[in-house]
Amino acid sequence: MQVNPWSKLLALIPGPRSSKGNVTAANADGSYTVATADGATILARPLPGQTWTVGAGVFVESGRIVDSAPSLPGMTQYV
């Protein structure tokens, strides 16, 4: 059985990181500005055929909006 060392090495590299954010602006060039919870701003392009509204929660991977994110209610706990 032949083992390809290159494919084994590539399997060790993690995939793209997914960030959750909210769309803050729809730009004239078709891209969207997404604000993340940690305060970062990402300029991202949607997948073909997708449109998003301002305020929508989205997941961004490698500068692409890949899916919608759920809108979960927040809760503050005091101790």
C-alpha atoms as a PDB file:
ATOM      1  CA  MET A   1       0.000   0.000   0.000  1.00  0.00           C
ATOM      2  CA  GLN A   2       1.452   3.344  -1.082  1.00  0.00           C
ATOM      3  CA  VAL A   3       1.239   6.299   1.356  1.00  0.00           C
ATOM      4  CA  ASN A   4       1.440   9.834  -0.006  1.00  0.00           C
ATOM      5  CA  PRO A   5       3.408  11.946   2.512  1.00  0.00           C
ATOM      6  CA  TRP A   6       2.246  15.216   0.930  1.00  0.00           C
ATOM      7  CA  SER A   7      -1.430  14.433   1.479  1.00  0.00           C
ATOM      8  CA  LYS A   8      -0.676  13.380   5.064  1.00  0.00           C
ATOM      9  CA  LEU A   9       1.074  16.718   5.641  1.00  0.00           C
ATOM     10  CA  LEU A  10      -1.832  18.681   4.166  1.00  0.00           C
ATOM     11  CA  ALA A  11      -4.235  16.836   6.466  1.00  0.00           C
ATOM     12  CA  LEU A  12      -2.412  18.339   9.463  1.00  0.00           C
ATOM     13  CA  ILE A  13      -3.032  21.930   8.385  1.00  0.00           C
ATOM     14  CA  PRO A  14      -6.230  23.371   9.901  1.00  0.00           C
ATOM     15  CA  GLY A  15      -8.977  24.616   7.627  1.00  0.00           C
ATOM     16  CA  PRO A  16     -10.077  28.233   7.317  1.00  0.00           C
ATOM     17  CA  ARG A  17     -11.249  29.972  10.480  1.00  0.00           C
ATOM     18  CA  SER A  18     -14.925  30.891  10.583  1.00  0.00           C
ATOM     19  CA  SER A  19     -15.913  34.234  12.111  1.00  0.00           C
ATOM     20  CA  LYS A  20     -19.422  35.265  13.128  1.00  0.00           C
ATOM     21  CA  GLY A  21     -20.485  38.858  12.599  1.00  0.00           C
ATOM     22  CA  ASN A  22     -23.272  41.198  11.592  1.00  0.00           C
ATOM     23  CA  VAL A  23     -23.552  42.952   8.244  1.00  0.00           C
ATOM     24  CA  THR A  24     -23.111  46.688   8.818  1.00  0.00           C
ATOM     25  CA  ALA A  25     -23.108  47.930   5.212  1.00  0.00           C
ATOM     26  CA  ALA A  26     -23.777  46.789   1.654  1.00  0.00           C
ATOM     27  CA  ASN A  27     -21.100  48.309  -0.590  1.00  0.00           C
ATOM     28  CA  ALA A  28     -21.522  49.481  -4.199  1.00  0.00           C
ATOM     29  CA  ASP A  29     -19.061  46.869  -5.532  1.00  0.00           C
ATOM     30  CA  GLY A  30     -21.218  43.984  -4.228  1.00  0.00           C
ATOM     31  CA  SER A  31     -19.186  43.352  -1.087  1.00  0.00           C
ATOM     32  CA  TYR A  32     -20.436  43.657   2.477  1.00  0.00           C
ATOM     33  CA  THR A  33     -18.873  45.140   5.582  1.00  0.00           C
ATOM     34  CA  VAL A  34     -19.165  42.748   8.526  1.00  0.00           C
ATOM     35  CA  ALA A  35     -18.490  43.703  12.162  1.00  0.00           C
ATOM     36  CA  THR A  36     -17.421  40.890  14.488  1.00  0.00           C
ATOM     37  CA  ALA A  37     -17.981  40.634  18.237  1.00  0.00           C
ATOM     38  CA  ASP A  38     -14.317  41.370  18.985  1.00  0.00           C
ATOM     39  CA  GLY A  39     -14.555  44.733  17.197  1.00  0.00           C
ATOM     40  CA  ALA A  40     -12.898  43.742  13.911  1.00  0.00           C
ATOM     41  CA  THR A  41     -14.316  44.836  10.564  1.00  0.00           C
ATOM     42  CA  ILE A  42     -14.205  42.434   7.605  1.00  0.00           C
ATOM     43  CA  LEU A  43     -14.834  43.295   3.970  1.00  0.00           C
ATOM     44  CA  ALA A  44     -16.425  40.125   2.576  1.00  0.00           C
ATOM     45  CA  ARG A  45     -17.993  38.967  -0.672  1.00  0.00           C
ATOM     46  CA  PRO A  46     -21.105  36.786  -0.772  1.00  0.00           C
ATOM     47  CA  LEU A  47     -21.333  33.496  -2.615  1.00  0.00           C
ATOM     48  CA  PRO A  48     -23.011  33.835  -6.044  1.00  0.00           C
ATOM     49  CA  GLY A  49     -26.750  34.410  -5.801  1.00  0.00           C
ATOM     50  CA  GLN A  50     -26.731  35.468  -2.139  1.00  0.00           C
ATOM     51  CA  THR A  51     -27.843  38.826  -0.798  1.00  0.00           C
ATOM     52  CA  TRP A  52     -27.805  40.014   2.808  1.00  0.00           C
ATOM     53  CA  THR A  53     -29.519  42.843   4.646  1.00  0.00           C
ATOM     54  CA  VAL A  54     -27.871  45.222   7.075  1.00  0.00           C
ATOM     55  CA  GLY A  55     -28.049  43.703  10.564  1.00  0.00           C
ATOM     56  CA  ALA A  56     -28.099  40.089   9.357  1.00  0.00           C
ATOM     57  CA  GLY A  57     -25.857  37.638  11.214  1.00  0.00           C
ATOM     58  CA  VAL A  58     -23.403  35.827   8.930  1.00  0.00           C
ATOM     59  CA  PHE A  59     -20.432  33.458   9.023  1.00  0.00           C
ATOM     60  CA  VAL A  60     -17.299  34.593   7.132  1.00  0.00           C
ATOM     61  CA  GLU A  61     -14.475  32.275   5.969  1.00  0.00           C
ATOM     62  CA  SER A  62     -11.478  33.576   4.007  1.00  0.00           C
ATOM     63  CA  GLY A  63     -13.240  36.792   3.023  1.00  0.00           C
ATOM     64  CA  ARG A  64     -16.414  35.038   1.837  1.00  0.00           C
ATOM     65  CA  ILE A  65     -19.829  35.072   3.476  1.00  0.00           C
ATOM     66  CA  VAL A  66     -20.670  31.374   3.590  1.00  0.00           C
ATOM     67  CA  ASP A  67     -23.880  31.111   5.634  1.00  0.00           C
ATOM     68  CA  SER A  68     -26.352  32.919   7.836  1.00  0.00           C
ATOM     69  CA  ALA A  69     -25.772  32.902  11.583  1.00  0.00           C
ATOM     70  CA  PRO A  70     -28.525  32.446  14.149  1.00  0.00           C
ATOM     71  CA  SER A  71     -29.698  35.421  16.145  1.00  0.00           C
ATOM     72  CA  LEU A  72     -29.543  34.196  19.726  1.00  0.00           C
ATOM     73  CA  PRO A  73     -30.656  36.328  22.650  1.00  0.00           C
ATOM     74  CA  GLY A  74     -27.974  37.442  25.054  1.00  0.00           C
ATOM     75  CA  MET A  75     -28.204  37.072  28.799  1.00  0.00           C
ATOM     76  CA  THR A  76     -26.353  38.942  31.528  1.00  0.00           C
ATOM     77  CA  GLN A  77     -25.669  37.153  34.786  1.00  0.00           C
ATOM     78  CA  TYR A  78     -24.689  39.000  37.920  1.00  0.00           C
ATOM     79  CA  VAL A  79     -22.804  37.183  40.661  1.00  0.00           C
END
